[in-house]
Amino acid sequence: MTTEIGQEIKKVRIEKAMTLKNVAESTGYSISFLSQLERGKSSATLESIKKIAVALEVSPSRFFEENQEAREVPSSDITKNRGRKSGIFYEDLGTNLVNKDFIPMLITLQPGETEGSPIVHAGQEFVFVLEGKLTVQIEGIDHELLPGERIMYVSARPHYWFNYGEHETRFLCVSSGI
């Protein structure tokens, strides 16, 4: 999986005509780390995937898609467009959207997903909890959400998601500006 993620990062970076230096400057990661990641010699965390996605102006789910070709996907076929990285599972619900102004994702966090550093990016995020208990940290303040609860915030404010619970947490996240 690490090799595939790295290859996709490199593919997107080249499509966007960006150098490793450009991505390094945008993310704060070293050129060496990014190069190793692209070659599958280093693994990525959720935090690094999100920062790289922001720098490349794509959804983080892009790096987990099984088939990267643009295509129309019927909603009944949406499960084909899933990705998993350690204890986080992305399902891109907007694969059939063209010229996306927002990106809807179904995200599952396994119990104990408690590490990561806040990120910032353009736009806004809307989060709606479906199952479990989600902690959304915004500017260092924890907001605990239960099923049926929601929060919306400006993504330029440092934020991150955590699952401190003992059960899987599933939530809908709709991001704009990525």
Protein backbone atom coordinates (compact mmCIF):
# COMPACT_ATOMS: atom_id res chain seq x y z
CA MET A 1 0.00 0.00 0.00
CA THR A 2 2.86 2.42 0.84
CA THR A 3 4.32 2.01 -2.64
CA GLU A 4 0.96 2.67 -4.32
CA ILE A 5 0.36 5.80 -2.24
CA GLY A 6 3.84 7.07 -3.04
CA GLN A 7 3.40 6.40 -6.74
CA GLU A 8 0.09 8.25 -6.76
CA ILE A 9 1.62 11.22 -4.91
CA LYS A 10 4.38 11.38 -7.53
CA LYS A 11 1.86 11.07 -10.38
CA VAL A 12 -0.25 13.94 -9.04
CA ARG A 13 2.83 16.07 -8.32
CA ILE A 14 4.05 15.64 -11.89
CA GLU A 15 0.56 16.31 -13.31
CA LYS A 16 0.53 19.57 -11.35
CA ALA A 17 4.05 20.43 -12.64
CA MET A 18 5.35 20.67 -9.08
CA THR A 19 8.83 19.76 -7.89
CA LEU A 20 9.66 17.98 -4.67
CA LYS A 21 10.96 21.34 -3.48
CA ASN A 22 7.55 22.97 -4.12
CA VAL A 23 5.77 20.27 -2.12
CA ALA A 24 8.40 20.42 0.63
CA GLU A 25 7.93 24.18 0.98
CA SER A 26 4.15 23.82 1.14
CA THR A 27 4.11 20.97 3.66
CA GLY A 28 7.18 21.60 5.80
CA TYR A 29 8.45 18.09 5.05
CA SER A 30 11.97 17.53 3.75
CA ILE A 31 12.66 16.77 0.10
CA SER A 32 14.36 13.58 1.29
CA PHE A 33 11.23 12.39 3.14
CA LEU A 34 8.98 13.17 0.16
CA SER A 35 11.32 11.38 -2.24
CA GLN A 36 11.43 8.31 0.02
CA LEU A 37 7.64 8.39 0.31
CA GLU A 38 7.21 8.50 -3.46
CA ARG A 39 9.57 5.53 -3.84
CA GLY A 40 7.81 3.49 -1.14
CA LYS A 41 10.84 3.64 1.16
CA SER A 42 9.00 5.61 3.85
CA SER A 43 5.46 5.36 5.13
CA ALA A 44 2.93 8.16 5.40
CA THR A 45 0.78 9.12 8.34
CA LEU A 46 -2.73 10.52 8.06
CA GLU A 47 -1.25 13.91 8.88
CA SER A 48 1.34 13.73 6.09
CA ILE A 49 -1.22 12.48 3.55
CA LYS A 50 -3.53 15.38 4.40
CA LYS A 51 -0.74 17.98 4.19
CA ILE A 52 0.48 16.60 0.88
CA ALA A 53 -3.07 16.52 -0.49
CA VAL A 54 -3.55 20.16 0.48
CA ALA A 55 -0.24 21.11 -1.17
CA LEU A 56 -1.26 19.26 -4.35
CA GLU A 57 -4.83 20.61 -4.18
CA VAL A 58 -6.50 17.18 -4.23
CA SER A 59 -8.64 15.20 -1.83
CA PRO A 60 -6.70 12.88 0.52
CA SER A 61 -8.90 10.07 -0.78
CA ARG A 62 -7.19 10.44 -4.16
CA PHE A 63 -4.19 8.56 -2.79
CA PHE A 64 -6.30 5.58 -1.81
CA GLU A 65 -8.41 5.14 -4.92
CA GLU A 66 -8.19 1.75 -6.57
CA ASN A 67 -8.71 3.13 -10.07
CA GLN A 68 -7.35 6.60 -10.66
CA GLU A 69 -8.98 7.14 -14.07
CA ALA A 70 -11.73 9.76 -14.20
CA ARG A 71 -15.02 7.97 -14.68
CA GLU A 72 -18.68 8.09 -13.91
CA VAL A 73 -19.50 5.84 -10.98
CA PRO A 74 -23.07 4.86 -10.14
CA SER A 75 -23.88 5.34 -6.47
CA SER A 76 -24.44 1.59 -6.12
CA ASP A 77 -20.83 1.11 -7.22
CA ILE A 78 -19.36 3.67 -4.82
CA THR A 79 -17.66 1.03 -2.70
CA LYS A 80 -15.09 0.50 -5.45
CA ASN A 81 -13.55 3.85 -4.61
CA ARG A 82 -12.23 3.19 -1.13
CA GLY A 83 -8.87 3.47 0.53
CA ARG A 84 -7.34 2.44 3.79
CA LYS A 85 -4.26 3.69 5.62
CA SER A 86 -3.48 2.28 9.08
CA GLY A 87 -6.57 2.97 11.21
CA ILE A 88 -8.35 5.33 8.83
CA PHE A 89 -10.63 4.37 5.97
CA TYR A 90 -11.75 6.85 3.28
CA GLU A 91 -14.66 6.39 0.92
CA ASP A 92 -14.91 9.14 -1.69
CA LEU A 93 -18.62 9.75 -2.22
CA GLY A 94 -18.05 12.28 -5.00
CA THR A 95 -16.39 10.17 -7.65
CA ASN A 96 -19.03 11.07 -10.22
CA LEU A 97 -18.73 14.81 -9.62
CA VAL A 98 -16.99 16.87 -12.28
CA ASN A 99 -15.22 20.15 -11.41
CA LYS A 100 -15.72 19.54 -7.72
CA ASP A 101 -16.39 22.57 -5.53
CA PHE A 102 -16.59 20.26 -2.54
CA ILE A 103 -15.52 16.72 -1.71
CA PRO A 104 -17.86 14.43 0.26
CA MET A 105 -16.12 11.56 2.04
CA LEU A 106 -17.28 8.83 4.39
CA ILE A 107 -14.48 8.33 6.91
CA THR A 108 -14.03 5.52 9.38
CA LEU A 109 -11.57 5.82 12.26
CA GLN A 110 -10.59 2.69 14.11
CA PRO A 111 -10.48 2.76 17.93
CA GLY A 112 -7.34 4.40 19.24
CA GLU A 113 -6.70 6.74 16.29
CA THR A 114 -5.30 9.35 18.65
CA GLU A 115 -2.11 10.59 17.02
CA GLY A 116 -1.60 13.39 14.56
CA SER A 117 -0.95 17.08 14.34
CA PRO A 118 -3.46 19.72 13.29
CA ILE A 119 -3.52 20.74 9.65
CA VAL A 120 -4.78 23.80 7.80
CA HIS A 121 -6.01 24.25 4.24
CA ALA A 122 -8.28 26.49 2.22
CA GLY A 123 -12.05 26.19 2.44
CA GLN A 124 -14.44 24.79 5.00
CA GLU A 125 -15.30 21.38 6.42
CA PHE A 126 -18.64 20.02 7.53
CA VAL A 127 -18.52 16.90 9.73
CA PHE A 128 -21.58 14.78 10.64
CA VAL A 129 -21.10 11.77 12.93
CA LEU A 130 -22.89 8.56 11.96
CA GLU A 131 -21.49 6.06 14.48
CA GLY A 132 -19.22 6.18 17.51
CA LYS A 133 -17.70 9.19 19.21
CA LEU A 134 -15.52 11.61 17.25
CA THR A 135 -13.23 14.23 18.71
CA VAL A 136 -12.66 17.15 16.37
CA GLN A 137 -9.84 19.36 17.56
CA ILE A 138 -10.00 22.94 16.29
CA GLU A 139 -7.33 25.41 17.37
CA GLY A 140 -6.44 23.17 20.31
CA ILE A 141 -10.01 22.86 21.59
CA ASP A 142 -11.59 19.39 21.56
CA HIS A 143 -15.19 19.05 20.41
CA GLU A 144 -16.69 15.63 21.18
CA LEU A 145 -19.44 14.62 18.79
CA LEU A 146 -21.88 11.72 19.09
CA PRO A 147 -24.06 10.19 16.36
CA GLY A 148 -26.34 12.79 14.81
CA GLU A 149 -24.16 15.70 15.92
CA ARG A 150 -22.32 17.96 13.51
CA ILE A 151 -19.77 20.71 13.30
CA MET A 152 -18.65 23.08 10.56
CA TYR A 153 -15.45 25.09 10.60
CA VAL A 154 -13.12 27.14 8.45
CA SER A 155 -10.31 24.82 7.38
CA ALA A 156 -7.72 27.58 7.75
CA ARG A 157 -8.08 27.02 11.50
CA PRO A 158 -5.75 24.22 12.69
CA HIS A 159 -7.88 21.07 12.99
CA TYR A 160 -7.69 17.28 13.24
CA TRP A 161 -9.93 14.25 13.94
CA PHE A 162 -9.42 11.66 16.69
CA ASN A 163 -11.14 8.51 17.93
CA TYR A 164 -10.35 8.13 21.63
CA GLY A 165 -13.14 5.58 22.02
CA GLU A 166 -13.16 1.81 22.09
CA HIS A 167 -15.42 1.47 19.04
CA GLU A 168 -15.13 2.36 15.38
CA THR A 169 -16.23 5.88 14.47
CA ARG A 170 -17.84 6.72 11.12
CA PHE A 171 -18.58 10.21 9.90
CA LEU A 172 -19.38 12.19 6.80
CA CYS A 173 -16.90 14.94 5.97
CA VAL A 174 -17.63 17.45 3.23
CA SER A 175 -14.63 19.65 2.38
CA SER A 176 -14.51 22.66 0.12
CA GLY A 177 -11.45 24.44 -1.14
CA ILE A 178 -9.25 21.35 -1.68
